[in-house]
Protein backbone atom coordinates (compact mmCIF):
# COMPACT_ATOMS: atom_id res chain seq x y z
CA PHE A 1 111.73 79.93 96.57
CA ASN A 2 114.77 77.91 95.20
CA ASN A 3 113.42 74.91 93.18
CA LYS A 4 110.13 75.52 94.10
CA HIS A 5 107.34 75.83 91.45
CA ILE A 6 107.10 79.59 91.24
CA ASN A 7 110.27 79.49 90.16
CA ASN A 8 110.14 76.70 87.41
CA GLY A 9 107.10 77.66 86.31
CA ILE A 10 106.99 78.46 82.27
CA ILE A 11 104.32 81.33 81.31
CA ALA A 12 101.77 79.40 78.42
CA SER A 13 102.14 81.07 75.08
CA GLY A 14 99.77 83.87 75.23
CA GLY A 15 99.38 83.94 78.56
CA GLY A 16 100.36 86.68 81.02
CA PHE A 17 100.54 87.32 84.81
CA THR A 18 99.97 89.58 87.67
CA ILE A 19 102.28 91.35 90.38
CA GLU A 20 101.16 93.09 93.33
CA ALA A 21 102.76 94.75 96.49
CA ALA A 22 101.93 97.02 99.24
CA PHE A 23 104.80 99.22 100.59
CA LYS A 24 105.95 102.12 101.92
CA THR A 25 109.75 103.10 101.19
CA ASP A 26 111.93 105.05 103.76
CA ASN A 27 114.01 106.24 100.98
CA PRO A 28 112.56 106.81 97.59
CA ALA A 29 115.54 108.47 95.69
CA SER A 30 117.21 105.35 95.97
CA TYR A 31 117.68 102.60 93.77
CA ALA A 32 115.39 99.70 95.93
CA ALA A 33 113.92 96.92 94.55
CA ILE A 34 110.05 96.14 95.86
CA ILE A 35 109.61 92.51 93.76
CA SER A 36 112.43 91.36 91.07
CA LYS A 37 113.50 88.12 89.16
CA GLU A 38 116.62 87.63 88.49
CA GLY A 39 118.49 86.70 85.16
CA ARG A 40 120.61 88.50 82.52
CA PRO A 41 118.66 88.10 79.02
CA GLY A 42 120.33 91.37 77.73
CA GLY A 43 124.13 88.99 78.25
CA SER A 44 126.35 92.24 78.90
CA ARG A 45 123.78 94.39 79.75
CA PRO A 46 123.08 95.09 83.54
CA GLN A 47 119.61 94.58 83.40
CA GLN A 48 118.03 91.99 85.40
CA THR A 49 115.16 89.77 83.58
CA LEU A 50 112.21 91.85 85.59
CA GLU A 51 112.59 94.26 88.83
CA LEU A 52 109.67 96.70 90.24
CA LYS A 53 111.66 99.34 91.77
CA THR A 54 112.00 103.14 93.15
CA ARG A 55 114.73 105.24 91.63
CA ALA A 56 117.22 106.88 92.55
CA ASP A 57 117.91 110.04 90.09
CA ASN A 58 113.94 110.84 90.12
CA SER A 59 112.06 108.73 93.13
CA LEU A 60 109.68 107.26 90.47
CA LEU A 61 108.29 103.73 91.06
CA GLN A 62 109.71 101.80 87.48
CA ILE A 63 108.67 97.96 86.35
CA GLU A 64 111.55 97.65 84.21
CA MET A 65 111.23 94.18 82.23
CA TRP A 66 112.84 92.02 78.92
CA ASP A 67 110.36 90.44 77.53
CA GLY A 68 109.85 86.89 76.00
CA ASN A 69 111.56 88.55 72.95
CA ALA A 70 114.14 89.95 74.86
CA ASN A 71 112.92 93.36 74.08
CA LEU A 72 113.34 95.68 77.39
CA THR A 73 110.65 97.38 78.17
CA GLN A 74 109.31 99.65 81.33
CA ILE A 75 106.77 102.11 82.73
CA SER A 76 107.47 104.76 85.61
CA SER A 77 104.86 105.97 87.61
CA LEU A 78 103.02 109.61 86.31
CA GLN A 79 104.44 111.25 90.44
CA PRO A 80 107.46 110.56 92.11
CA ILE A 81 107.42 108.66 95.30
CA ASN A 82 106.96 109.97 98.74
CA THR A 83 108.77 108.93 102.25
CA SER A 84 106.71 106.56 104.58
CA GLN A 85 103.37 106.95 102.83
CA TRP A 86 101.93 103.44 102.29
CA TYR A 87 101.23 102.71 98.66
CA TYR A 88 99.53 99.51 96.33
CA VAL A 89 101.16 98.33 93.15
CA ALA A 90 99.94 96.18 90.32
CA VAL A 91 101.85 95.32 87.63
CA VAL A 92 99.85 93.49 84.21
CA ASN A 93 100.76 91.64 81.81
CA ASN A 94 98.43 89.70 79.39
CA GLY A 95 101.14 88.82 76.43
CA SER A 96 100.67 92.21 74.65
CA THR A 97 100.52 94.89 76.44
CA MET A 98 102.37 95.29 80.44
CA SER A 99 100.38 98.24 82.20
CA MET A 100 101.35 99.74 86.35
CA TYR A 101 98.33 100.80 88.63
CA LEU A 102 99.23 102.68 91.24
CA ASP A 103 97.29 103.52 94.27
CA ALA A 104 98.93 106.24 96.70
CA ASN A 105 96.27 105.56 99.41
CA ASN A 106 94.45 109.46 98.30
CA GLY A 107 90.90 107.75 98.21
CA GLN A 108 91.08 107.46 94.31
CA GLY A 109 91.91 103.92 94.40
CA TYR A 110 94.41 102.38 91.58
CA GLN A 111 95.25 104.76 88.38
CA LEU A 112 96.92 103.76 85.24
CA GLN A 113 100.43 104.95 85.34
CA GLY A 114 101.38 104.22 81.66
CA SER A 115 101.18 100.88 79.78
CA VAL A 116 103.21 99.39 76.91
CA PRO A 117 103.59 96.76 74.05
CA VAL A 118 105.51 93.83 74.87
CA THR A 119 105.71 90.40 72.92
CA GLY A 120 105.41 87.74 74.67
CA ALA A 121 105.01 88.53 79.20
CA LEU A 122 108.36 87.76 79.98
CA TYR A 123 111.46 86.66 78.93
CA GLN A 124 112.06 82.67 79.40
CA ALA A 125 113.57 81.32 76.36
CA VAL A 126 116.51 79.11 77.11
CA LEU A 127 118.19 77.82 80.21
CA PRO A 128 119.86 79.11 82.96
CA SER A 129 117.18 82.19 82.62
CA TRP A 130 113.63 81.33 82.89
CA ASP A 131 114.10 79.71 86.10
CA ASN A 132 116.13 81.84 88.09
CA SER A 133 114.72 82.86 91.85
CA TRP A 134 111.86 85.59 92.24
CA THR A 135 113.41 88.03 95.32
CA VAL A 136 111.52 90.24 97.35
CA GLY A 137 112.94 93.32 98.89
CA ARG A 138 116.24 93.22 96.76
CA GLY A 139 117.87 93.01 92.78
CA GLN A 140 119.89 92.46 90.97
CA TYR A 141 122.76 94.37 88.95
CA ALA A 142 125.02 92.91 86.21
CA GLY A 143 124.15 89.78 88.15
CA HIS A 144 125.15 90.52 91.67
CA PRO A 145 122.70 91.00 94.36
CA ALA A 146 121.80 95.15 94.60
CA ASP A 147 119.10 97.65 95.02
CA TRP A 148 117.69 96.64 98.46
CA PHE A 149 115.09 97.81 99.35
CA ASP A 150 114.75 100.44 102.92
CA GLY A 151 111.13 100.58 104.42
CA ILE A 152 108.11 98.30 104.81
CA ILE A 153 107.07 95.36 101.98
CA ASP A 154 103.81 94.24 103.70
CA GLU A 155 101.93 92.47 101.18
CA VAL A 156 103.33 90.81 97.78
CA ARG A 157 101.29 88.40 95.48
CA LEU A 158 102.30 86.80 91.61
CA SER A 159 99.61 85.40 89.88
CA ASN A 160 100.26 83.31 86.58
CA THR A 161 97.59 85.30 84.95
CA ALA A 162 96.91 88.96 83.58
CA LEU A 163 94.44 90.62 86.30
CA SER A 164 91.51 92.87 86.00
CA PRO A 165 91.67 96.24 88.33
CA SER A 166 88.80 94.86 90.29
CA ASN A 167 90.49 91.37 90.71
CA PHE A 168 93.38 93.40 93.04
CA LEU A 169 95.02 93.08 96.18
CA PHE A 170 93.40 95.73 97.61
CA ALA A 171 90.17 96.87 95.25
CA PRO A 172 87.34 96.43 97.46
CA ALA A 173 83.70 94.82 95.48
CA SER A 174 82.27 98.72 94.95
CA THR A 175 83.27 102.17 94.64
CA PRO A 176 82.08 105.16 96.68
CA LEU A 177 79.19 106.91 95.66
CA ALA A 178 80.03 110.35 93.87
CA GLY A 179 78.44 113.06 96.71
CA ASP A 180 78.21 110.72 99.88
CA TYR A 181 80.84 112.00 101.23
CA ASN A 182 80.39 110.77 105.18
CA ASN A 183 80.05 107.26 103.04
CA ASN A 184 76.83 105.84 104.47
CA GLY A 185 75.73 105.05 101.66
CA LYS A 186 73.22 108.04 100.38
CA VAL A 187 74.09 111.29 99.27
CA ASP A 188 72.01 113.78 101.29
CA ALA A 189 72.08 116.83 103.75
CA ALA A 190 74.40 115.52 106.23
CA ASP A 191 77.01 115.29 103.13
CA TYR A 192 76.48 118.55 101.97
CA VAL A 193 77.36 119.91 105.19
CA LEU A 194 80.48 118.06 105.17
CA TRP A 195 81.37 119.75 102.17
CA ARG A 196 80.58 122.98 103.69
CA ASN A 197 82.94 122.40 106.57
CA GLY A 198 85.58 121.14 104.35
CA GLY A 199 85.93 117.27 104.82
CA PRO A 200 88.68 115.96 103.72
CA LEU A 201 86.20 112.65 101.95
CA ALA A 202 84.88 115.95 100.17
CA ASN A 203 88.17 117.10 98.84
CA GLU A 204 90.07 114.43 97.22
CA THR A 205 92.14 116.69 95.17
CA ALA A 206 92.32 119.80 97.77
CA THR A 207 93.94 120.57 100.68
CA PRO A 208 91.11 119.28 103.75
CA GLY A 209 89.59 122.30 104.80
CA SER A 210 88.65 123.87 101.67
CA ALA A 211 85.53 122.92 99.84
CA THR A 212 85.33 122.96 95.90
CA ALA A 213 82.57 124.28 93.80
CA GLU A 214 83.20 121.17 91.84
CA ASP A 215 82.77 119.00 94.86
CA TYR A 216 79.31 121.06 95.54
CA THR A 217 77.98 119.85 91.78
CA VAL A 218 79.18 116.68 92.37
CA TRP A 219 76.95 116.52 95.82
CA ARG A 220 74.41 118.62 94.13
CA SER A 221 73.73 116.11 90.77
CA ASN A 222 73.64 112.89 92.74
CA PHE A 223 71.39 114.65 95.92
CA GLY A 224 69.08 111.70 96.62
CA ASN A 225 71.15 109.03 95.47
CA SER A 226 72.12 105.47 97.64
CA GLY A 227 73.45 102.26 96.79
CA SER A 228 77.26 102.30 95.21
CA GLY A 229 78.76 100.70 91.86
CA ALA A 230 81.00 98.33 90.69
CA GLY A 231 84.16 99.38 89.54
CA LEU A 232 87.83 100.12 90.51
CA GLY A 233 89.05 99.97 93.46
CA SER A 234 90.10 102.21 96.20
CA SER A 235 92.52 101.44 99.27
CA ALA A 236 89.51 102.84 101.64
CA ALA A 237 87.18 99.25 101.95
CA VAL A 238 90.76 97.38 103.05
CA PRO A 239 93.00 98.07 106.18
CA GLU A 240 95.99 99.88 106.02
CA PRO A 241 99.24 96.75 106.37
CA SER A 242 100.32 96.64 109.38
CA ALA A 243 103.63 99.42 110.27
CA PHE A 244 105.51 95.70 111.42
CA ALA A 245 107.43 94.21 108.64
CA GLY A 246 105.87 91.04 108.31
CA LEU A 247 105.61 89.44 104.51
CA CYS A 248 102.99 87.54 103.16
CA LEU A 249 103.92 86.08 99.32
CA LEU A 250 101.31 84.57 97.86
CA ALA A 251 100.59 82.83 94.21
CA THR A 252 97.86 81.58 92.62
CA ALA A 253 97.49 78.07 92.24
CA GLY A 254 99.93 76.86 89.33
CA GLY A 255 101.99 79.94 90.54
CA LEU A 256 104.88 81.26 88.04
């Protein structure tokens, strides 16, 4: 990416950005970068400009970033990352707030992991800091290449705007209809049968094969409904990334 617009672009005052990726790690208990931006805004401090990574000490997914006012900020996932499981992550920064969303491919779509205040979207105050390279699959520590990723990174997108969850890479146009456990667009007796038999779509937060009273209440209260509603994305509407280590890197018009 050296000398390309994706590195040399300036985020406008009050502007923001979004970084997204699909990934599956073979070793979540390691410091391993999915997306990073090189540079050392903290001078002697070892952290680079931005790094989206797993952590060796707790297996959490973490976004760590220096904001426009050279404050080091971070958000960690609510739960540890599992080995060999596909995840979709999106980090949104609008210049005043940074948020991280994670889709764990469990049918619940993108879930907010946390938000923190920032002063400016990303550190880019003086040369040579703002035009350092974006990297995929490795990071930096103390100014040296480090944190190589062990697994598959299937698709990455960098956008020069703060996207809403409905516009994330793996967000469908609509959410499943509550109580529609066979996903056919209507809540009817067939969904009751699936619930009674412990179908996995009827037990998104329970062990498949163990029907819950809560799911029955959802079906009963929505019986007769049809169609679907707009809302947060769910990876169920998007094919799982290829098992091959193919990487598709996209930048929106204008780039970062």
